[in-house]
Amino acid sequence: MPDLRSRFTAGRGYLAACTLGLPTLETHAAVARDLERWAAGSANAGEYSKVVERARGHAATLLGAEEEQVAVGSQVSVFAGLVAASAPAGAEVLCIDGDFSSIVGPFLARGDLRVRHVPADRLADEIRPTTAIVSASLVQSASGEVLDAASVAKAARDAGALLLIDTTQATGWMPTDALDADVIVCHAYKWLSAPRGAAFAAFSDRAVAELTPHTAGWYSGGDPWASCYGPDLHLAEGAHRFDVSPAWHAWVGAESALAFAASLDLDDVRGHDVGLANAFRARLGLEASDSAIVAWPDPDRAALSALEAAGITASGRAGNARVAFHLWNDDEDVELAAAALGR
């Protein structure tokens, strides 16, 4: 999408949206202005709340939810931890083998849950009547594999299991506004190009009713500015009860970044990103895929070293070399990466 490359300062040879996104010029400027206001003593707490609420609206658009269904926070693991903490002792939790630890660790840390790990392409088939919770990433961080979310959702519904989906490696390069899940969590610092520290989650009516807001604080009340002191418990009616007090400076950047992402046709973004990824796969002799992430075995990190030597920003995960193509990339980036690998 060449018309969008001008919205970013950098981008050539940057193949790491799956690790850390690049800010648009507008996001960069918004954060810079905020730091100047803070340094000058003119930052205003009430204004920060307005920023967060506008960002919540953009997050709701990206997840296909209503604003009252969306909670804001700082990390995916906090929202996953709420699901884990609310599970009854002995409950069966089904995860993808090798999935990102933020949506696996909270269940393992309990110590009294039965956690099973299965391959991503077997997840729907492995859901059974005894399964209480299914926790999975929509796109696998280490491999880029895209989950058949519709099949998993149907199987979870049929079994009565609560479904948690992490879209951190998906929202921003593909549509995530039609997922049938009870809790959809996302951190905005990757494909959405927001500062780290801005995460959000959409909660179904079932999740709001069944989950305990263990992180309840001043921002989880219906009117946060009236929820600052005890002795009473102040909880919002809907998903806002799961809000975690927002990191204000991060959310200034997130508001700009999420507004930009919400304005895009994410089907077009997916076509652009996956098209570049498949062009690179072809140069490596790999089969085409439906993912914007390309990962291949690199146990000695030779491929990653070659990419880095050529000035290309990539990453290595779980014994794989990993590259990702996004809005700031074009065919030239495919050629640069392929040439660096002698392909």
Protein backbone atom coordinates (compact mmCIF):
# COMPACT_ATOMS: atom_id res chain seq x y z
CA MET A 1 0.00 0.00 0.00
CA PRO A 2 2.39 2.68 -1.27
CA ASP A 3 0.06 5.55 -0.40
CA LEU A 4 0.48 4.70 3.31
CA ARG A 5 4.28 4.43 3.35
CA SER A 6 4.50 8.20 3.65
CA ARG A 7 2.68 8.02 7.00
CA PHE A 8 5.80 6.46 8.58
CA THR A 9 9.29 7.90 9.09
CA ALA A 10 11.02 4.52 8.80
CA GLY A 11 10.10 1.22 7.24
CA ARG A 12 12.56 0.18 4.55
CA GLY A 13 13.97 -3.18 5.63
CA TYR A 14 11.88 -3.21 8.80
CA LEU A 15 10.28 -6.67 8.86
CA ALA A 16 9.38 -6.82 12.52
CA ALA A 17 5.78 -5.69 13.01
CA CYS A 18 5.29 -9.01 14.80
CA THR A 19 7.78 -7.77 17.42
CA LEU A 20 7.29 -4.02 17.56
CA GLY A 21 5.30 -1.75 15.28
CA LEU A 22 6.43 1.59 13.88
CA PRO A 23 4.49 4.74 14.80
CA THR A 24 2.82 6.87 12.17
CA LEU A 25 3.93 10.48 11.95
CA GLU A 26 0.71 11.43 13.72
CA THR A 27 1.29 9.00 16.60
CA HIS A 28 4.88 10.19 16.98
CA ALA A 29 3.68 13.80 17.09
CA ALA A 30 0.92 13.03 19.60
CA VAL A 31 3.35 11.40 22.03
CA ALA A 32 5.87 14.23 21.60
CA ARG A 33 3.21 16.86 22.31
CA ASP A 34 2.09 14.97 25.39
CA LEU A 35 5.62 14.79 26.78
CA GLU A 36 6.02 18.50 26.22
CA ARG A 37 2.77 19.23 28.07
CA TRP A 38 3.81 16.94 30.90
CA ALA A 39 7.23 18.60 31.16
CA ALA A 40 5.60 22.03 31.14
CA GLY A 41 3.20 21.09 33.93
CA SER A 42 0.14 21.50 31.72
CA ALA A 43 -0.87 17.83 31.47
CA ASN A 44 -4.39 17.23 32.79
CA ALA A 45 -5.67 14.00 34.33
CA GLY A 46 -9.23 14.61 33.18
CA GLU A 47 -8.06 15.10 29.60
CA TYR A 48 -6.18 11.79 29.78
CA SER A 49 -9.45 10.05 30.66
CA LYS A 50 -11.07 11.55 27.56
CA VAL A 51 -8.17 10.27 25.47
CA VAL A 52 -8.61 6.77 26.90
CA GLU A 53 -12.35 6.78 26.20
CA ARG A 54 -11.81 7.82 22.58
CA ALA A 55 -9.24 5.05 22.23
CA ARG A 56 -11.71 2.58 23.76
CA GLY A 57 -14.13 3.45 20.97
CA HIS A 58 -11.53 2.72 18.29
CA ALA A 59 -10.64 -0.56 20.02
CA ALA A 60 -14.32 -1.52 20.01
CA THR A 61 -14.46 -0.92 16.24
CA LEU A 62 -11.42 -3.13 15.67
CA LEU A 63 -12.93 -5.96 17.74
CA GLY A 64 -16.48 -5.58 16.45
CA ALA A 65 -17.78 -4.79 19.92
CA GLU A 66 -19.76 -2.09 21.68
CA GLU A 67 -17.79 0.36 23.81
CA GLU A 68 -19.38 -0.94 27.01
CA GLN A 69 -18.03 -4.40 26.15
CA VAL A 70 -14.42 -3.20 26.01
CA ALA A 71 -12.02 -2.95 28.94
CA VAL A 72 -8.68 -1.16 28.85
CA GLY A 73 -5.46 -2.17 30.53
CA SER A 74 -1.76 -2.55 30.07
CA GLN A 75 -0.99 -6.21 29.27
CA VAL A 76 -2.69 -9.26 27.77
CA SER A 77 -1.59 -11.45 30.69
CA VAL A 78 -3.65 -9.34 33.11
CA PHE A 79 -6.87 -10.04 31.20
CA ALA A 80 -5.95 -13.71 30.75
CA GLY A 81 -5.21 -13.81 34.46
CA LEU A 82 -8.78 -12.73 35.23
CA VAL A 83 -10.07 -15.70 33.25
CA ALA A 84 -7.64 -18.05 34.98
CA ALA A 85 -8.40 -16.71 38.46
CA SER A 86 -12.14 -17.19 37.94
CA ALA A 87 -11.88 -20.85 36.89
CA PRO A 88 -12.99 -23.44 39.45
CA ALA A 89 -10.33 -25.75 40.85
CA GLY A 90 -9.79 -28.81 38.67
CA ALA A 91 -11.24 -27.17 35.54
CA GLU A 92 -9.90 -28.36 32.19
CA VAL A 93 -8.18 -25.67 30.11
CA LEU A 94 -7.26 -26.32 26.49
CA CYS A 95 -4.32 -24.43 24.96
CA ILE A 96 -2.28 -24.59 21.77
CA ASP A 97 1.06 -26.34 22.15
CA GLY A 98 3.74 -23.65 22.02
CA ASP A 99 1.34 -20.71 22.23
CA PHE A 100 2.50 -17.37 23.64
CA SER A 101 3.07 -17.62 27.37
CA SER A 102 0.85 -14.64 28.30
CA ILE A 103 -2.29 -16.69 27.58
CA VAL A 104 -0.89 -19.97 28.88
CA GLY A 105 1.07 -18.95 31.97
CA PRO A 106 -1.86 -17.63 34.04
CA PHE A 107 -3.55 -21.04 33.85
CA LEU A 108 -0.40 -22.99 34.66
CA ALA A 109 0.39 -20.68 37.57
CA ARG A 110 -2.85 -21.65 39.29
CA GLY A 111 -1.45 -25.12 39.93
CA ASP A 112 -4.92 -26.64 40.40
CA LEU A 113 -6.19 -26.58 36.80
CA ARG A 114 -5.90 -29.39 34.26
CA VAL A 115 -4.15 -27.71 31.32
CA ARG A 116 -3.88 -29.62 28.03
CA HIS A 117 -1.77 -28.50 25.06
CA VAL A 118 -2.61 -29.60 21.52
CA PRO A 119 -1.52 -28.58 17.99
CA ALA A 120 -3.31 -25.53 16.60
CA ASP A 121 -4.89 -27.49 13.75
CA ARG A 122 -6.34 -29.95 16.29
CA LEU A 123 -7.75 -27.39 18.72
CA ALA A 124 -11.39 -27.57 17.62
CA ASP A 125 -11.34 -31.37 17.54
CA GLU A 126 -9.85 -31.61 21.03
CA ILE A 127 -12.58 -29.56 22.72
CA ARG A 128 -14.76 -31.96 24.70
CA PRO A 129 -17.66 -31.75 27.17
CA THR A 130 -15.20 -31.62 30.09
CA THR A 131 -13.39 -28.58 28.66
CA ALA A 132 -14.17 -25.46 30.71
CA ILE A 133 -11.91 -22.91 29.00
CA VAL A 134 -10.18 -22.68 25.63
CA SER A 135 -7.32 -20.18 25.46
CA ALA A 136 -5.60 -19.53 22.13
CA SER A 137 -3.92 -16.94 19.92
CA LEU A 138 -5.62 -16.16 16.63
CA VAL A 139 -2.18 -16.03 15.00
CA GLN A 140 0.74 -17.95 16.44
CA SER A 141 3.66 -15.74 17.42
CA ALA A 142 6.42 -18.25 16.66
CA SER A 143 5.10 -19.61 13.36
CA GLY A 144 2.50 -17.17 12.02
CA GLU A 145 -0.09 -19.97 11.74
CA VAL A 146 -3.64 -18.60 11.58
CA LEU A 147 -6.26 -20.36 13.70
CA ASP A 148 -9.53 -21.61 12.21
CA ALA A 149 -11.36 -19.44 14.73
CA ALA A 150 -14.85 -20.20 13.42
CA SER A 151 -14.43 -23.95 13.93
CA VAL A 152 -12.94 -23.45 17.38
CA ALA A 153 -15.76 -21.11 18.39
CA LYS A 154 -18.42 -23.58 17.25
CA ALA A 155 -16.77 -26.44 19.13
CA ALA A 156 -16.43 -24.30 22.26
CA ARG A 157 -20.09 -23.26 22.08
CA ASP A 158 -21.22 -26.87 21.59
CA ALA A 159 -19.20 -27.93 24.64
CA GLY A 160 -20.22 -24.94 26.76
CA ALA A 161 -16.59 -23.88 27.12
CA LEU A 162 -15.58 -20.26 27.65
CA LEU A 163 -13.38 -19.08 24.75
CA LEU A 164 -10.45 -16.69 25.17
CA ILE A 165 -8.78 -15.46 21.96
CA ASP A 166 -5.63 -13.31 21.82
CA THR A 167 -5.48 -11.15 18.67
CA THR A 168 -2.22 -9.34 19.39
CA GLN A 169 -0.55 -10.94 16.35
CA ALA A 170 -3.62 -10.34 14.16
CA THR A 171 -5.45 -7.07 14.84
CA GLY A 172 -3.98 -4.48 12.52
CA TRP A 173 -3.16 -6.70 9.55
CA MET A 174 -6.39 -8.70 9.31
CA PRO A 175 -10.02 -8.12 10.31
CA THR A 176 -10.83 -9.22 13.86
CA ASP A 177 -14.31 -7.75 14.14
CA ALA A 178 -16.31 -10.95 13.64
CA LEU A 179 -14.83 -13.34 16.20
CA ASP A 180 -17.23 -15.37 18.32
CA ALA A 181 -15.39 -15.46 21.63
CA ASP A 182 -16.14 -14.66 25.26
CA VAL A 183 -12.96 -12.69 25.84
CA ILE A 184 -10.89 -11.18 23.02
CA VAL A 185 -7.61 -9.65 24.19
CA CYS A 186 -5.11 -7.53 22.28
CA HIS A 187 -1.98 -5.53 23.00
CA ALA A 188 -1.59 -2.61 20.60
CA TYR A 189 2.20 -2.30 20.33
CA LYS A 190 2.71 -4.67 17.41
CA TRP A 191 0.61 -4.46 14.23
CA LEU A 192 -1.40 -1.53 15.60
CA SER A 193 1.79 0.52 16.09
CA ALA A 194 0.88 1.99 19.47
CA PRO A 195 3.30 2.54 22.35
CA ARG A 196 3.77 -0.47 24.60
CA GLY A 197 1.50 -0.38 27.64
CA ALA A 198 -1.89 -0.09 25.94
CA ALA A 199 -3.95 -3.28 25.83
CA PHE A 200 -7.69 -3.87 25.56
CA ALA A 201 -10.22 -6.69 25.70
CA ALA A 202 -13.81 -7.31 24.64
CA PHE A 203 -16.03 -9.31 27.02
CA SER A 204 -19.23 -11.18 26.17
CA ASP A 205 -22.27 -10.96 28.45
CA ARG A 206 -21.36 -14.40 29.75
CA ALA A 207 -17.82 -13.30 30.60
CA VAL A 208 -19.05 -10.18 32.40
CA ALA A 209 -21.41 -12.32 34.47
CA GLU A 210 -18.99 -15.15 35.25
CA LEU A 211 -15.59 -13.49 35.70
CA THR A 212 -14.52 -11.81 38.92
CA PRO A 213 -12.84 -8.39 38.51
CA HIS A 214 -9.85 -9.29 40.70
CA THR A 215 -7.96 -6.20 39.49
CA ALA A 216 -10.75 -3.83 40.56
CA GLY A 217 -9.45 -0.36 41.28
CA TRP A 218 -10.42 3.25 40.88
CA TYR A 219 -10.77 2.97 37.10
CA SER A 220 -13.13 -0.03 37.24
CA GLY A 221 -16.02 2.04 38.57
CA GLY A 222 -18.85 3.46 36.52
CA ASP A 223 -17.45 6.93 37.25
CA PRO A 224 -13.71 6.49 37.87
CA TRP A 225 -13.34 9.91 39.45
CA ALA A 226 -15.90 8.89 42.08
CA SER A 227 -14.24 5.49 42.68
CA CYS A 228 -11.01 6.69 44.23
CA TYR A 229 -11.68 5.71 47.85
CA GLY A 230 -13.23 2.98 49.97
CA PRO A 231 -14.88 1.60 51.93
CA ASP A 232 -17.37 0.63 49.22
CA LEU A 233 -16.71 -1.44 46.10
CA HIS A 234 -17.36 0.59 42.96
CA LEU A 235 -17.92 -1.51 39.82
CA ALA A 236 -19.16 -0.50 36.40
CA GLU A 237 -22.13 -2.43 35.04
CA GLY A 238 -20.41 -3.88 31.98
CA ALA A 239 -16.89 -4.76 30.90
CA HIS A 240 -15.51 -1.48 32.24
CA ARG A 241 -15.39 -3.27 35.62
CA PHE A 242 -12.33 -5.07 34.24
CA ASP A 243 -10.49 -1.82 33.44
CA VAL A 244 -6.98 -1.47 34.79
CA SER A 245 -5.83 2.06 35.52
CA PRO A 246 -4.39 3.18 32.17
CA ALA A 247 -0.79 4.24 31.54
CA TRP A 248 -1.72 7.71 30.33
CA HIS A 249 1.24 8.51 28.10
CA ALA A 250 0.93 5.17 26.30
CA TRP A 251 -2.76 5.78 25.67
CA VAL A 252 -2.09 9.15 24.07
CA GLY A 253 -0.13 7.31 21.40
CA ALA A 254 -2.66 4.49 21.33
CA GLU A 255 -5.56 6.84 20.62
CA SER A 256 -3.82 8.07 17.47
CA ALA A 257 -2.64 4.60 16.44
CA LEU A 258 -6.02 2.91 16.96
CA ALA A 259 -7.85 5.69 15.13
CA PHE A 260 -5.55 5.17 12.15
CA ALA A 261 -6.01 1.40 12.17
CA ALA A 262 -9.79 1.69 12.55
CA SER A 263 -9.90 3.94 9.48
CA LEU A 264 -8.31 1.31 7.25
CA ASP A 265 -9.96 -1.41 5.18
CA LEU A 266 -8.36 -4.35 6.93
CA ASP A 267 -9.26 -6.71 4.10
CA ASP A 268 -7.08 -4.52 1.88
CA VAL A 269 -4.33 -4.48 4.51
CA ARG A 270 -4.46 -8.26 4.73
CA GLY A 271 -4.19 -8.53 0.94
CA HIS A 272 -1.17 -6.24 0.91
CA ASP A 273 0.64 -7.86 3.84
CA VAL A 274 -0.05 -11.48 2.90
CA GLY A 275 0.79 -10.75 -0.74
CA LEU A 276 4.26 -9.54 0.23
CA ALA A 277 4.70 -12.44 2.64
CA ASN A 278 3.79 -14.96 -0.05
CA ALA A 279 6.14 -13.32 -2.53
CA PHE A 280 8.91 -13.80 0.01
CA ARG A 281 7.81 -17.38 0.70
CA ALA A 282 8.06 -18.10 -3.03
CA ARG A 283 11.65 -16.85 -3.04
CA LEU A 284 12.43 -19.25 -0.19
CA GLY A 285 10.68 -22.15 -1.88
CA LEU A 286 7.95 -22.24 0.78
CA GLU A 287 4.26 -22.84 0.15
CA ALA A 288 1.89 -19.87 0.10
CA SER A 289 0.05 -19.12 3.34
CA ASP A 290 -2.68 -16.89 4.72
CA SER A 291 -0.37 -15.17 7.20
CA ALA A 292 1.61 -11.92 7.14
CA ILE A 293 4.28 -13.64 9.26
CA VAL A 294 6.86 -15.86 7.58
CA ALA A 295 8.80 -18.25 9.81
CA TRP A 296 11.21 -21.02 8.85
CA PRO A 297 13.69 -23.23 10.75
CA ASP A 298 16.89 -21.41 11.65
CA PRO A 299 18.41 -23.38 14.55
CA ASP A 300 21.88 -21.84 14.18
CA ARG A 301 20.48 -18.33 13.53
CA ALA A 302 22.40 -18.17 10.24
CA ALA A 303 19.45 -16.71 8.34
CA LEU A 304 18.75 -14.14 11.05
CA SER A 305 22.42 -13.12 11.09
CA ALA A 306 22.40 -12.71 7.29
CA LEU A 307 19.31 -10.52 7.43
CA GLU A 308 20.77 -8.39 10.19
CA ALA A 309 24.07 -8.04 8.32
CA ALA A 310 22.11 -6.65 5.36
CA GLY A 311 20.48 -4.03 7.61
CA ILE A 312 17.14 -5.82 7.80
CA THR A 313 15.29 -5.88 11.11
CA ALA A 314 13.89 -9.36 11.72
CA SER A 315 13.47 -11.67 14.69
CA GLY A 316 14.07 -15.21 15.84
CA ARG A 317 11.58 -17.22 17.86
CA ALA A 318 11.43 -20.85 19.00
CA GLY A 319 14.27 -21.91 16.68
CA ASN A 320 12.77 -20.09 13.68
CA ALA A 321 13.79 -17.02 11.74
CA ARG A 322 10.78 -14.73 11.51
CA VAL A 323 9.87 -11.78 9.30
CA ALA A 324 6.63 -9.84 8.96
CA PHE A 325 5.33 -7.52 6.24
CA HIS A 326 3.11 -4.53 6.97
CA LEU A 327 1.98 -1.12 5.76
CA TRP A 328 5.45 0.40 5.43
CA ASN A 329 6.76 -2.50 3.31
CA ASP A 330 6.63 -3.10 -0.44
CA ASP A 331 8.19 -5.32 -3.12
CA GLU A 332 11.61 -3.77 -2.54
CA ASP A 333 11.63 -5.16 0.99
CA VAL A 334 10.91 -8.63 -0.39
CA GLU A 335 13.85 -8.28 -2.76
CA LEU A 336 16.18 -6.99 -0.06
CA ALA A 337 15.37 -9.85 2.30
CA ALA A 338 15.59 -12.50 -0.40
CA ALA A 339 18.94 -11.14 -1.61
CA ALA A 340 20.30 -11.15 1.93
CA LEU A 341 19.57 -14.90 2.05
CA GLY A 342 20.99 -15.56 -1.40
CA ARG A 343 17.56 -16.25 -2.86
